[in-house]
Amino acid sequence: MNRVSSNKYKWYSPKKGSWKSNTDGTMDLLDGWCGLGILIRDHQGRIMASVVKKLRASGDVLFTELQAIIFGLEVAIWD
């Protein structure tokens, strides 16, 4: 079945001179892995950095999302 995704969310840019980090986590219980993703954009929406990480899945979707948020914070403070 094909579905068209309707995104109800709008991305709001950060203040000029700032960057914004968006995170997401996804899980595939069939193969036992999860993925974490971070996208960092400037005030014009340009991608300044992106990072992905593959981990063993915990089996809990909310925990995977939390891992993505924590990973995003770690990336934000990298030198």
N, C-alpha and C. Protein backbone atom coordinates (compact mmCIF):
# COMPACT_ATOMS: atom_id res chain seq x y z
N MET A 1 0.83 -1.17 0.00
CA MET A 1 0.00 0.00 0.00
C MET A 1 0.88 1.25 0.00
N ASN A 2 0.61 2.15 -0.88
CA ASN A 2 1.35 3.42 -0.93
C ASN A 2 0.59 4.48 -0.15
N ARG A 3 1.32 5.26 0.61
CA ARG A 3 0.71 6.35 1.38
C ARG A 3 1.49 7.62 1.14
N VAL A 4 0.78 8.69 1.09
CA VAL A 4 1.42 10.00 1.00
C VAL A 4 1.48 10.57 2.41
N SER A 5 2.66 10.94 2.82
CA SER A 5 2.85 11.48 4.16
C SER A 5 2.46 12.95 4.19
N SER A 6 1.61 13.31 5.14
CA SER A 6 1.30 14.72 5.32
C SER A 6 1.95 15.18 6.61
N ASN A 7 2.90 16.05 6.49
CA ASN A 7 3.64 16.53 7.65
C ASN A 7 2.88 17.69 8.28
N LYS A 8 2.44 17.50 9.52
CA LYS A 8 1.69 18.53 10.23
C LYS A 8 2.61 19.52 10.93
N TYR A 9 3.90 19.25 10.91
CA TYR A 9 4.84 20.06 11.65
C TYR A 9 5.60 21.00 10.73
N LYS A 10 5.90 22.18 11.22
CA LYS A 10 6.66 23.16 10.46
C LYS A 10 7.97 23.41 11.19
N TRP A 11 9.05 23.51 10.42
CA TRP A 11 10.36 23.80 10.99
C TRP A 11 10.49 25.31 11.14
N TYR A 12 10.85 25.75 12.33
CA TYR A 12 11.07 27.17 12.59
C TYR A 12 12.57 27.41 12.72
N SER A 13 13.05 28.37 11.98
CA SER A 13 14.49 28.65 11.98
C SER A 13 14.92 29.30 13.29
N PRO A 14 16.19 29.07 13.65
CA PRO A 14 16.73 29.75 14.83
C PRO A 14 17.04 31.21 14.50
N LYS A 15 17.39 31.96 15.52
CA LYS A 15 17.78 33.36 15.30
C LYS A 15 19.03 33.43 14.42
N LYS A 16 19.18 34.52 13.71
CA LYS A 16 20.35 34.72 12.85
C LYS A 16 21.62 34.58 13.69
N GLY A 17 22.58 33.83 13.17
CA GLY A 17 23.83 33.58 13.88
C GLY A 17 23.78 32.35 14.76
N SER A 18 22.61 31.71 14.85
CA SER A 18 22.46 30.50 15.66
C SER A 18 22.24 29.29 14.77
N TRP A 19 22.43 28.13 15.35
CA TRP A 19 22.15 26.87 14.68
C TRP A 19 21.08 26.12 15.46
N LYS A 20 20.39 25.24 14.77
CA LYS A 20 19.33 24.44 15.41
C LYS A 20 19.59 22.97 15.12
N SER A 21 19.42 22.16 16.15
CA SER A 21 19.64 20.72 16.03
C SER A 21 18.30 20.00 16.09
N ASN A 22 18.06 19.13 15.11
CA ASN A 22 16.88 18.27 15.11
C ASN A 22 17.35 16.83 15.20
N THR A 23 16.67 16.04 16.03
CA THR A 23 17.07 14.65 16.25
C THR A 23 15.92 13.71 15.95
N ASP A 24 16.27 12.47 15.64
CA ASP A 24 15.26 11.43 15.44
C ASP A 24 15.87 10.08 15.72
N GLY A 25 15.05 9.17 16.16
CA GLY A 25 15.47 7.80 16.37
C GLY A 25 14.49 6.86 15.70
N THR A 26 14.99 5.78 15.15
CA THR A 26 14.14 4.79 14.52
C THR A 26 14.63 3.41 14.91
N MET A 27 13.73 2.44 14.87
CA MET A 27 14.08 1.12 15.35
C MET A 27 13.52 0.06 14.41
N ASP A 28 14.31 -0.97 14.15
CA ASP A 28 13.87 -2.12 13.37
C ASP A 28 14.01 -3.35 14.24
N LEU A 29 12.91 -3.80 14.81
CA LEU A 29 12.97 -4.95 15.72
C LEU A 29 13.24 -6.25 15.00
N LEU A 30 12.98 -6.30 13.69
CA LEU A 30 13.24 -7.53 12.94
C LEU A 30 14.73 -7.84 12.87
N ASP A 31 15.54 -6.82 12.67
CA ASP A 31 16.99 -7.07 12.62
C ASP A 31 17.70 -6.68 13.91
N GLY A 32 16.98 -6.07 14.87
CA GLY A 32 17.56 -5.77 16.17
C GLY A 32 18.44 -4.54 16.24
N TRP A 33 18.28 -3.62 15.28
CA TRP A 33 19.10 -2.41 15.26
C TRP A 33 18.23 -1.17 15.35
N CYS A 34 18.83 -0.08 15.82
CA CYS A 34 18.16 1.21 15.79
C CYS A 34 19.13 2.23 15.20
N GLY A 35 18.58 3.31 14.70
CA GLY A 35 19.39 4.37 14.13
C GLY A 35 19.06 5.69 14.79
N LEU A 36 20.09 6.49 15.02
CA LEU A 36 19.93 7.82 15.59
C LEU A 36 20.42 8.82 14.56
N GLY A 37 19.71 9.91 14.41
CA GLY A 37 20.12 10.91 13.44
C GLY A 37 20.02 12.32 14.00
N ILE A 38 20.99 13.13 13.62
CA ILE A 38 21.02 14.53 14.04
C ILE A 38 21.25 15.37 12.79
N LEU A 39 20.49 16.44 12.66
CA LEU A 39 20.65 17.38 11.56
C LEU A 39 20.77 18.76 12.17
N ILE A 40 21.83 19.47 11.82
CA ILE A 40 22.07 20.81 12.36
C ILE A 40 21.99 21.80 11.20
N ARG A 41 21.12 22.81 11.37
CA ARG A 41 20.92 23.81 10.31
C ARG A 41 21.09 25.22 10.86
N ASP A 42 21.46 26.12 9.96
CA ASP A 42 21.59 27.52 10.35
C ASP A 42 20.25 28.24 10.19
N HIS A 43 20.26 29.56 10.39
CA HIS A 43 19.01 30.33 10.34
C HIS A 43 18.38 30.38 8.96
N GLN A 44 19.15 30.04 7.92
CA GLN A 44 18.62 30.02 6.57
C GLN A 44 18.18 28.61 6.15
N GLY A 45 18.29 27.66 7.07
CA GLY A 45 17.89 26.29 6.77
C GLY A 45 18.97 25.46 6.11
N ARG A 46 20.16 26.04 5.93
CA ARG A 46 21.27 25.29 5.32
C ARG A 46 21.78 24.24 6.30
N ILE A 47 22.06 23.07 5.79
CA ILE A 47 22.59 21.98 6.62
C ILE A 47 24.05 22.26 6.92
N MET A 48 24.38 22.39 8.20
CA MET A 48 25.74 22.66 8.64
C MET A 48 26.45 21.36 9.04
N ALA A 49 25.68 20.38 9.50
CA ALA A 49 26.25 19.09 9.89
C ALA A 49 25.13 18.07 9.98
N SER A 50 25.49 16.83 9.76
CA SER A 50 24.56 15.73 9.99
C SER A 50 25.37 14.54 10.50
N VAL A 51 24.78 13.81 11.43
CA VAL A 51 25.47 12.68 12.04
C VAL A 51 24.46 11.56 12.22
N VAL A 52 24.89 10.34 11.94
CA VAL A 52 24.04 9.17 12.20
C VAL A 52 24.83 8.17 13.03
N LYS A 53 24.10 7.35 13.76
CA LYS A 53 24.72 6.35 14.62
C LYS A 53 23.83 5.11 14.62
N LYS A 54 24.44 3.95 14.50
CA LYS A 54 23.71 2.68 14.52
C LYS A 54 24.01 1.96 15.83
N LEU A 55 22.94 1.51 16.50
CA LEU A 55 23.07 0.83 17.79
C LEU A 55 22.18 -0.40 17.82
N ARG A 56 22.46 -1.27 18.76
CA ARG A 56 21.55 -2.39 19.01
C ARG A 56 20.25 -1.83 19.58
N ALA A 57 19.12 -2.30 19.09
CA ALA A 57 17.82 -1.80 19.54
C ALA A 57 17.52 -2.27 20.95
N SER A 58 16.90 -1.38 21.72
CA SER A 58 16.53 -1.71 23.09
C SER A 58 15.17 -2.38 23.16
N GLY A 59 14.37 -2.21 22.12
CA GLY A 59 13.02 -2.73 22.12
C GLY A 59 11.99 -1.72 22.56
N ASP A 60 12.43 -0.53 22.94
CA ASP A 60 11.53 0.51 23.42
C ASP A 60 11.68 1.75 22.54
N VAL A 61 10.61 2.12 21.84
CA VAL A 61 10.66 3.25 20.91
C VAL A 61 10.99 4.56 21.62
N LEU A 62 10.36 4.81 22.77
CA LEU A 62 10.63 6.05 23.50
C LEU A 62 12.07 6.14 23.97
N PHE A 63 12.64 5.00 24.38
CA PHE A 63 14.04 4.99 24.79
C PHE A 63 14.94 5.32 23.61
N THR A 64 14.60 4.80 22.44
CA THR A 64 15.38 5.10 21.23
C THR A 64 15.32 6.59 20.90
N GLU A 65 14.15 7.19 21.02
CA GLU A 65 14.02 8.64 20.79
C GLU A 65 14.84 9.42 21.82
N LEU A 66 14.82 8.98 23.07
CA LEU A 66 15.62 9.63 24.11
C LEU A 66 17.11 9.51 23.81
N GLN A 67 17.54 8.34 23.33
CA GLN A 67 18.95 8.16 22.95
C GLN A 67 19.33 9.16 21.85
N ALA A 68 18.42 9.39 20.90
CA ALA A 68 18.69 10.34 19.82
C ALA A 68 18.84 11.76 20.37
N ILE A 69 18.00 12.13 21.33
CA ILE A 69 18.09 13.47 21.93
C ILE A 69 19.41 13.63 22.68
N ILE A 70 19.78 12.63 23.46
CA ILE A 70 21.05 12.68 24.20
C ILE A 70 22.22 12.75 23.24
N PHE A 71 22.19 11.94 22.18
CA PHE A 71 23.24 11.96 21.17
C PHE A 71 23.31 13.34 20.52
N GLY A 72 22.16 13.96 20.26
CA GLY A 72 22.13 15.31 19.69
C GLY A 72 22.78 16.33 20.60
N LEU A 73 22.55 16.20 21.90
CA LEU A 73 23.19 17.10 22.86
C LEU A 73 24.70 16.88 22.90
N GLU A 74 25.12 15.62 22.82
CA GLU A 74 26.56 15.32 22.80
C GLU A 74 27.21 15.93 21.57
N VAL A 75 26.55 15.80 20.42
CA VAL A 75 27.09 16.37 19.18
C VAL A 75 27.16 17.89 19.28
N ALA A 76 26.16 18.50 19.91
CA ALA A 76 26.11 19.96 20.03
C ALA A 76 27.28 20.53 20.83
N ILE A 77 27.84 19.74 21.74
CA ILE A 77 28.95 20.26 22.56
C ILE A 77 30.31 19.76 22.10
N TRP A 78 30.36 19.03 20.97
CA TRP A 78 31.65 18.61 20.42
C TRP A 78 32.46 19.84 20.06
N ASP A 79 33.75 19.76 20.22
CA ASP A 79 34.65 20.86 19.84
C ASP A 79 34.88 20.86 18.36
